[in-house]
Structures are given as structure tokens and as C-alpha cells.
Amino acid sequence: MTQYEPGDYIKAVFADDRTGESEWMWVKVERVDEKARLVFGTLDSEPLVNPDLHLGMKLAVSYDNVREHMKEGAFNQ
């Protein structure tokens, strides 16, 4: 069984390499590659500091950048 499952949400840190600023945003999990330690999903937050990201964007996130995890049913409560 994987740590993260489709429908779950992860909060990950995203850094802007140009400014050095970072922000935490929610990603809805679509699939996981346990061997590569990657979560694939859709950005579910509106970025404030990184102009290269946008709401609804498809992303791959390293497990190393995950800071929080919520099951699908707990996220909207």
C-alpha cells in the first residue's frame, strides 16, 4: 500500500529559483511512483510568489518536498 493515494491531498513546498522565495501549496494526488518517490497531481492552490505555477497545473512532487498529507474526506471538512 502506498503512503499517498489518488484523491488524497499533499501540501508541498515550492521555491522560486529566481527570488529564493518559497510557498506551501496543496496538490491533489492522481498517482504515485513509490520507487522514484514522486507524487503526481494537480495544483489545488493559487500561487502567490511563483509566476511559473498556476491553479490546475499538473505536477510531479518529490516526497522530500511534502510537508503535510490529508485523506480526501478530511480535506474539505
PDB file of N, CA and C in Angstrom:
ATOM      1  N   MET A   1       0.840  -1.190   0.000  1.00  0.00           N
ATOM      2  CA  MET A   1       0.000   0.000   0.000  1.00  0.00           C
ATOM      3  C   MET A   1       0.879   1.246   0.000  1.00  0.00           C
ATOM      4  N   THR A   2       0.500   2.211  -0.796  1.00  0.00           N
ATOM      5  CA  THR A   2       1.294   3.430  -0.896  1.00  0.00           C
ATOM      6  C   THR A   2       0.954   4.402   0.228  1.00  0.00           C
ATOM      7  N   GLN A   3       1.887   5.281   0.476  1.00  0.00           N
ATOM      8  CA  GLN A   3       1.697   6.297   1.513  1.00  0.00           C
ATOM      9  C   GLN A   3       0.624   7.303   1.096  1.00  0.00           C
ATOM     10  N   TYR A   4       0.631   7.660  -0.172  1.00  0.00           N
ATOM     11  CA  TYR A   4      -0.338   8.617  -0.718  1.00  0.00           C
ATOM     12  C   TYR A   4      -1.177   7.893  -1.759  1.00  0.00           C
ATOM     13  N   GLU A   5      -2.472   8.202  -1.803  1.00  0.00           N
ATOM     14  CA  GLU A   5      -3.375   7.521  -2.724  1.00  0.00           C
ATOM     15  C   GLU A   5      -4.140   8.548  -3.553  1.00  0.00           C
ATOM     16  N   PRO A   6      -4.604   8.142  -4.760  1.00  0.00           N
ATOM     17  CA  PRO A   6      -5.398   9.060  -5.582  1.00  0.00           C
ATOM     18  C   PRO A   6      -6.556   9.652  -4.792  1.00  0.00           C
ATOM     19  N   GLY A   7      -6.733  10.951  -4.926  1.00  0.00           N
ATOM     20  CA  GLY A   7      -7.787  11.664  -4.198  1.00  0.00           C
ATOM     21  C   GLY A   7      -7.292  12.328  -2.935  1.00  0.00           C
ATOM     22  N   ASP A   8      -6.166  11.862  -2.397  1.00  0.00           N
ATOM     23  CA  ASP A   8      -5.571  12.497  -1.218  1.00  0.00           C
ATOM     24  C   ASP A   8      -5.035  13.874  -1.597  1.00  0.00           C
ATOM     25  N   TYR A   9      -4.699  14.654  -0.585  1.00  0.00           N
ATOM     26  CA  TYR A   9      -4.068  15.955  -0.794  1.00  0.00           C
ATOM     27  C   TYR A   9      -2.734  15.983  -0.048  1.00  0.00           C
ATOM     28  N   ILE A  10      -1.756  16.584  -0.689  1.00  0.00           N
ATOM     29  CA  ILE A  10      -0.478  16.830  -0.026  1.00  0.00           C
ATOM     30  C   ILE A  10      -0.203  18.321  -0.054  1.00  0.00           C
ATOM     31  N   LYS A  11       0.453  18.807   0.984  1.00  0.00           N
ATOM     32  CA  LYS A  11       0.923  20.186   0.991  1.00  0.00           C
ATOM     33  C   LYS A  11       2.424  20.107   0.752  1.00  0.00           C
ATOM     34  N   ALA A  12       2.875  20.780  -0.304  1.00  0.00           N
ATOM     35  CA  ALA A  12       4.275  20.712  -0.696  1.00  0.00           C
ATOM     36  C   ALA A  12       4.865  22.110  -0.763  1.00  0.00           C
ATOM     37  N   VAL A  13       6.165  22.182  -0.577  1.00  0.00           N
ATOM     38  CA  VAL A  13       6.864  23.456  -0.661  1.00  0.00           C
ATOM     39  C   VAL A  13       7.387  23.629  -2.085  1.00  0.00           C
ATOM     40  N   PHE A  14       7.169  24.827  -2.625  1.00  0.00           N
ATOM     41  CA  PHE A  14       7.620  25.188  -3.962  1.00  0.00           C
ATOM     42  C   PHE A  14       8.476  26.440  -3.855  1.00  0.00           C
ATOM     43  N   ALA A  15       9.649  26.384  -4.431  1.00  0.00           N
ATOM     44  CA  ALA A  15      10.569  27.526  -4.378  1.00  0.00           C
ATOM     45  C   ALA A  15      10.670  28.173  -5.752  1.00  0.00           C
ATOM     46  N   ASP A  16      10.795  29.498  -5.749  1.00  0.00           N
ATOM     47  CA  ASP A  16      11.071  30.251  -6.973  1.00  0.00           C
ATOM     48  C   ASP A  16      12.582  30.458  -7.012  1.00  0.00           C
ATOM     49  N   ASP A  17      13.250  29.799  -7.939  1.00  0.00           N
ATOM     50  CA  ASP A  17      14.713  29.859  -8.013  1.00  0.00           C
ATOM     51  C   ASP A  17      15.249  31.261  -8.288  1.00  0.00           C
ATOM     52  N   ARG A  18      14.450  32.099  -8.920  1.00  0.00           N
ATOM     53  CA  ARG A  18      14.910  33.467  -9.235  1.00  0.00           C
ATOM     54  C   ARG A  18      14.951  34.358  -8.000  1.00  0.00           C
ATOM     55  N   THR A  19      13.930  34.232  -7.146  1.00  0.00           N
ATOM     56  CA  THR A  19      13.834  35.138  -5.998  1.00  0.00           C
ATOM     57  C   THR A  19      14.259  34.480  -4.690  1.00  0.00           C
ATOM     58  N   GLY A  20      14.261  33.157  -4.660  1.00  0.00           N
ATOM     59  CA  GLY A  20      14.568  32.451  -3.423  1.00  0.00           C
ATOM     60  C   GLY A  20      13.372  32.316  -2.502  1.00  0.00           C
ATOM     61  N   GLU A  21      12.252  32.904  -2.876  1.00  0.00           N
ATOM     62  CA  GLU A  21      11.036  32.800  -2.066  1.00  0.00           C
ATOM     63  C   GLU A  21      10.417  31.422  -2.252  1.00  0.00           C
ATOM     64  N   SER A  22       9.701  30.978  -1.238  1.00  0.00           N
ATOM     65  CA  SER A  22       9.001  29.703  -1.355  1.00  0.00           C
ATOM     66  C   SER A  22       7.616  29.828  -0.719  1.00  0.00           C
ATOM     67  N   GLU A  23       6.752  28.918  -1.104  1.00  0.00           N
ATOM     68  CA  GLU A  23       5.405  28.881  -0.534  1.00  0.00           C
ATOM     69  C   GLU A  23       4.925  27.443  -0.494  1.00  0.00           C
ATOM     70  N   TRP A  24       4.003  27.177   0.409  1.00  0.00           N
ATOM     71  CA  TRP A  24       3.412  25.853   0.546  1.00  0.00           C
ATOM     72  C   TRP A  24       2.059  25.865  -0.138  1.00  0.00           C
ATOM     73  N   MET A  25       1.816  24.843  -0.953  1.00  0.00           N
ATOM     74  CA  MET A  25       0.553  24.771  -1.681  1.00  0.00           C
ATOM     75  C   MET A  25       0.031  23.339  -1.681  1.00  0.00           C
ATOM     76  N   TRP A  26      -1.284  23.218  -1.828  1.00  0.00           N
ATOM     77  CA  TRP A  26      -1.931  21.908  -1.857  1.00  0.00           C
ATOM     78  C   TRP A  26      -1.917  21.328  -3.265  1.00  0.00           C
ATOM     79  N   VAL A  27      -1.690  20.024  -3.338  1.00  0.00           N
ATOM     80  CA  VAL A  27      -1.713  19.274  -4.590  1.00  0.00           C
ATOM     81  C   VAL A  27      -2.649  18.085  -4.387  1.00  0.00           C
ATOM     82  N   LYS A  28      -3.589  17.887  -5.320  1.00  0.00           N
ATOM     83  CA  LYS A  28      -4.471  16.718  -5.261  1.00  0.00           C
ATOM     84  C   LYS A  28      -3.760  15.562  -5.964  1.00  0.00           C
ATOM     85  N   VAL A  29      -3.606  14.472  -5.258  1.00  0.00           N
ATOM     86  CA  VAL A  29      -2.858  13.318  -5.748  1.00  0.00           C
ATOM     87  C   VAL A  29      -3.646  12.580  -6.832  1.00  0.00           C
ATOM     88  N   GLU A  30      -2.959  12.293  -7.954  1.00  0.00           N
ATOM     89  CA  GLU A  30      -3.543  11.486  -9.027  1.00  0.00           C
ATOM     90  C   GLU A  30      -2.913  10.099  -9.071  1.00  0.00           C
ATOM     91  N   ARG A  31      -1.600  10.042  -8.897  1.00  0.00           N
ATOM     92  CA  ARG A  31      -0.909   8.756  -8.859  1.00  0.00           C
ATOM     93  C   ARG A  31       0.422   8.932  -8.150  1.00  0.00           C
ATOM     94  N   VAL A  32       1.030   7.803  -7.798  1.00  0.00           N
ATOM     95  CA  VAL A  32       2.277   7.819  -7.033  1.00  0.00           C
ATOM     96  C   VAL A  32       3.261   6.836  -7.660  1.00  0.00           C
ATOM     97  N   ASP A  33       4.523   7.215  -7.685  1.00  0.00           N
ATOM     98  CA  ASP A  33       5.601   6.307  -8.077  1.00  0.00           C
ATOM     99  C   ASP A  33       6.450   6.095  -6.825  1.00  0.00           C
ATOM    100  N   GLU A  34       6.175   4.997  -6.108  1.00  0.00           N
ATOM    101  CA  GLU A  34       6.875   4.713  -4.846  1.00  0.00           C
ATOM    102  C   GLU A  34       8.379   4.544  -5.064  1.00  0.00           C
ATOM    103  N   LYS A  35       8.761   3.871  -6.135  1.00  0.00           N
ATOM    104  CA  LYS A  35      10.179   3.617  -6.395  1.00  0.00           C
ATOM    105  C   LYS A  35      10.947   4.922  -6.592  1.00  0.00           C
ATOM    106  N   ALA A  36      10.376   5.833  -7.369  1.00  0.00           N
ATOM    107  CA  ALA A  36      11.020   7.128  -7.623  1.00  0.00           C
ATOM    108  C   ALA A  36      10.724   8.149  -6.524  1.00  0.00           C
ATOM    109  N   ARG A  37       9.804   7.803  -5.599  1.00  0.00           N
ATOM    110  CA  ARG A  37       9.396   8.693  -4.508  1.00  0.00           C
ATOM    111  C   ARG A  37       8.819  10.001  -5.048  1.00  0.00           C
ATOM    112  N   LEU A  38       7.866   9.855  -5.992  1.00  0.00           N
ATOM    113  CA  LEU A  38       7.216  11.005  -6.612  1.00  0.00           C
ATOM    114  C   LEU A  38       5.697  10.894  -6.486  1.00  0.00           C
ATOM    115  N   VAL A  39       5.077  12.042  -6.266  1.00  0.00           N
ATOM    116  CA  VAL A  39       3.625  12.163  -6.272  1.00  0.00           C
ATOM    117  C   VAL A  39       3.250  12.986  -7.495  1.00  0.00           C
ATOM    118  N   PHE A  40       2.331  12.485  -8.301  1.00  0.00           N
ATOM    119  CA  PHE A  40       1.845  13.210  -9.465  1.00  0.00           C
ATOM    120  C   PHE A  40       0.448  13.702  -9.165  1.00  0.00           C
ATOM    121  N   GLY A  41       0.177  14.970  -9.477  1.00  0.00           N
ATOM    122  CA  GLY A  41      -1.133  15.501  -9.173  1.00  0.00           C
ATOM    123  C   GLY A  41      -1.376  16.865  -9.767  1.00  0.00           C
ATOM    124  N   THR A  42      -2.439  17.493  -9.298  1.00  0.00           N
ATOM    125  CA  THR A  42      -2.893  18.786  -9.804  1.00  0.00           C
ATOM    126  C   THR A  42      -2.793  19.830  -8.706  1.00  0.00           C
ATOM    127  N   LEU A  43      -2.194  20.969  -9.023  1.00  0.00           N
ATOM    128  CA  LEU A  43      -2.064  22.061  -8.055  1.00  0.00           C
ATOM    129  C   LEU A  43      -3.446  22.581  -7.691  1.00  0.00           C
ATOM    130  N   ASP A  44      -3.749  22.595  -6.396  1.00  0.00           N
ATOM    131  CA  ASP A  44      -5.075  22.983  -5.908  1.00  0.00           C
ATOM    132  C   ASP A  44      -5.029  24.278  -5.108  1.00  0.00           C
ATOM    133  N   SER A  45      -3.955  25.036  -5.240  1.00  0.00           N
ATOM    134  CA  SER A  45      -3.801  26.339  -4.577  1.00  0.00           C
ATOM    135  C   SER A  45      -3.415  27.374  -5.619  1.00  0.00           C
ATOM    136  N   GLU A  46      -3.760  28.611  -5.346  1.00  0.00           N
ATOM    137  CA  GLU A  46      -3.381  29.720  -6.232  1.00  0.00           C
ATOM    138  C   GLU A  46      -2.009  30.232  -5.800  1.00  0.00           C
ATOM    139  N   PRO A  47      -0.989  30.079  -6.643  1.00  0.00           N
ATOM    140  CA  PRO A  47       0.359  30.539  -6.279  1.00  0.00           C
ATOM    141  C   PRO A  47       0.414  32.061  -6.092  1.00  0.00           C
ATOM    142  N   LEU A  48       1.199  32.473  -5.114  1.00  0.00           N
ATOM    143  CA  LEU A  48       1.359  33.901  -4.841  1.00  0.00           C
ATOM    144  C   LEU A  48       2.741  34.418  -5.218  1.00  0.00           C
ATOM    145  N   VAL A  49       3.767  33.586  -5.077  1.00  0.00           N
ATOM    146  CA  VAL A  49       5.133  34.082  -5.306  1.00  0.00           C
ATOM    147  C   VAL A  49       5.816  33.488  -6.525  1.00  0.00           C
ATOM    148  N   ASN A  50       5.279  32.433  -7.101  1.00  0.00           N
ATOM    149  CA  ASN A  50       5.936  31.792  -8.239  1.00  0.00           C
ATOM    150  C   ASN A  50       5.074  31.938  -9.495  1.00  0.00           C
ATOM    151  N   PRO A  51       5.464  32.834 -10.413  1.00  0.00           N
ATOM    152  CA  PRO A  51       4.660  33.080 -11.611  1.00  0.00           C
ATOM    153  C   PRO A  51       4.673  31.923 -12.608  1.00  0.00           C
ATOM    154  N   ASP A  52       5.564  30.950 -12.431  1.00  0.00           N
ATOM    155  CA  ASP A  52       5.632  29.811 -13.343  1.00  0.00           C
ATOM    156  C   ASP A  52       4.587  28.747 -13.024  1.00  0.00           C
ATOM    157  N   LEU A  53       3.934  28.857 -11.882  1.00  0.00           N
ATOM    158  CA  LEU A  53       2.918  27.890 -11.466  1.00  0.00           C
ATOM    159  C   LEU A  53       1.535  28.505 -11.592  1.00  0.00           C
ATOM    160  N   HIS A  54       0.520  27.656 -11.802  1.00  0.00           N
ATOM    161  CA  HIS A  54      -0.860  28.149 -11.846  1.00  0.00           C
ATOM    162  C   HIS A  54      -1.824  27.075 -11.349  1.00  0.00           C
ATOM    163  N   LEU A  55      -2.951  27.515 -10.830  1.00  0.00           N
ATOM    164  CA  LEU A  55      -4.002  26.642 -10.334  1.00  0.00           C
ATOM    165  C   LEU A  55      -4.379  25.640 -11.417  1.00  0.00           C
ATOM    166  N   GLY A  56      -4.453  24.352 -11.057  1.00  0.00           N
ATOM    167  CA  GLY A  56      -4.833  23.318 -12.007  1.00  0.00           C
ATOM    168  C   GLY A  56      -3.678  22.703 -12.770  1.00  0.00           C
ATOM    169  N   MET A  57      -2.478  23.211 -12.553  1.00  0.00           N
ATOM    170  CA  MET A  57      -1.290  22.711 -13.248  1.00  0.00           C
ATOM    171  C   MET A  57      -0.964  21.287 -12.800  1.00  0.00           C
ATOM    172  N   LYS A  58      -0.563  20.444 -13.757  1.00  0.00           N
ATOM    173  CA  LYS A  58      -0.132  19.077 -13.455  1.00  0.00           C
ATOM    174  C   LYS A  58       1.321  19.121 -13.003  1.00  0.00           C
ATOM    175  N   LEU A  59       1.616  18.427 -11.882  1.00  0.00           N
ATOM    176  CA  LEU A  59       2.947  18.484 -11.283  1.00  0.00           C
ATOM    177  C   LEU A  59       3.428  17.108 -10.840  1.00  0.00           C
ATOM    178  N   ALA A  60       4.737  16.994 -10.711  1.00  0.00           N
ATOM    179  CA  ALA A  60       5.366  15.854 -10.042  1.00  0.00           C
ATOM    180  C   ALA A  60       6.098  16.434  -8.843  1.00  0.00           C
ATOM    181  N   VAL A  61       5.841  15.881  -7.666  1.00  0.00           N
ATOM    182  CA  VAL A  61       6.407  16.401  -6.429  1.00  0.00           C
ATOM    183  C   VAL A  61       7.201  15.297  -5.738  1.00  0.00           C
ATOM    184  N   SER A  62       8.431  15.608  -5.378  1.00  0.00           N
ATOM    185  CA  SER A  62       9.261  14.660  -4.640  1.00  0.00           C
ATOM    186  C   SER A  62       8.718  14.486  -3.227  1.00  0.00           C
ATOM    187  N   TYR A  63       8.793  13.273  -2.710  1.00  0.00           N
ATOM    188  CA  TYR A  63       8.404  13.039  -1.319  1.00  0.00           C
ATOM    189  C   TYR A  63       9.147  13.989  -0.382  1.00  0.00           C
ATOM    190  N   ASP A  64      10.360  14.375  -0.736  1.00  0.00           N
ATOM    191  CA  ASP A  64      11.160  15.268   0.104  1.00  0.00           C
ATOM    192  C   ASP A  64      10.526  16.642   0.272  1.00  0.00           C
ATOM    193  N   ASN A  65       9.641  17.034  -0.646  1.00  0.00           N
ATOM    194  CA  ASN A  65       9.007  18.357  -0.586  1.00  0.00           C
ATOM    195  C   ASN A  65       7.625  18.333   0.057  1.00  0.00           C
ATOM    196  N   VAL A  66       7.144  17.150   0.438  1.00  0.00           N
ATOM    197  CA  VAL A  66       5.827  17.038   1.066  1.00  0.00           C
ATOM    198  C   VAL A  66       5.940  17.386   2.547  1.00  0.00           C
ATOM    199  N   ARG A  67       5.077  18.300   3.008  1.00  0.00           N
ATOM    200  CA  ARG A  67       5.096  18.741   4.396  1.00  0.00           C
ATOM    201  C   ARG A  67       3.868  18.309   5.180  1.00  0.00           C
ATOM    202  N   GLU A  68       2.781  17.993   4.458  1.00  0.00           N
ATOM    203  CA  GLU A  68       1.537  17.604   5.125  1.00  0.00           C
ATOM    204  C   GLU A  68       0.762  16.685   4.184  1.00  0.00           C
ATOM    205  N   HIS A  69      -0.100  15.845   4.766  1.00  0.00           N
ATOM    206  CA  HIS A  69      -0.872  14.892   3.984  1.00  0.00           C
ATOM    207  C   HIS A  69      -2.262  14.772   4.589  1.00  0.00           C
ATOM    208  N   MET A  70      -3.279  14.814   3.744  1.00  0.00           N
ATOM    209  CA  MET A  70      -4.658  14.634   4.207  1.00  0.00           C
ATOM    210  C   MET A  70      -5.387  13.683   3.274  1.00  0.00           C
ATOM    211  N   LYS A  71      -6.182  12.820   3.861  1.00  0.00           N
ATOM    212  CA  LYS A  71      -7.053  11.970   3.069  1.00  0.00           C
ATOM    213  C   LYS A  71      -8.145  12.832   2.447  1.00  0.00           C
ATOM    214  N   GLU A  72      -8.681  12.386   1.331  1.00  0.00           N
ATOM    215  CA  GLU A  72      -9.665  13.171   0.567  1.00  0.00           C
ATOM    216  C   GLU A  72     -10.834  13.661   1.422  1.00  0.00           C
ATOM    217  N   GLY A  73     -11.435  12.794   2.216  1.00  0.00           N
ATOM    218  CA  GLY A  73     -12.582  13.178   3.026  1.00  0.00           C
ATOM    219  C   GLY A  73     -12.270  14.192   4.103  1.00  0.00           C
ATOM    220  N   ALA A  74     -11.062  14.213   4.594  1.00  0.00           N
ATOM    221  CA  ALA A  74     -10.664  15.136   5.664  1.00  0.00           C
ATOM    222  C   ALA A  74     -10.320  16.509   5.135  1.00  0.00           C
ATOM    223  N   PHE A  75      -9.987  16.614   3.851  1.00  0.00           N
ATOM    224  CA  PHE A  75      -9.513  17.886   3.300  1.00  0.00           C
ATOM    225  C   PHE A  75     -10.574  18.964   3.295  1.00  0.00           C
ATOM    226  N   ASN A  76     -11.802  18.619   2.965  1.00  0.00           N
ATOM    227  CA  ASN A  76     -12.865  19.624   2.827  1.00  0.00           C
ATOM    228  C   ASN A  76     -13.655  19.874   4.098  1.00  0.00           C
ATOM    229  N   GLN A  77     -13.259  19.260   5.206  1.00  0.00           N
ATOM    230  CA  GLN A  77     -14.000  19.437   6.455  1.00  0.00           C
ATOM    231  C   GLN A  77     -13.578  20.691   7.167  1.00  0.00           C
TER     232      GLN A  77
END
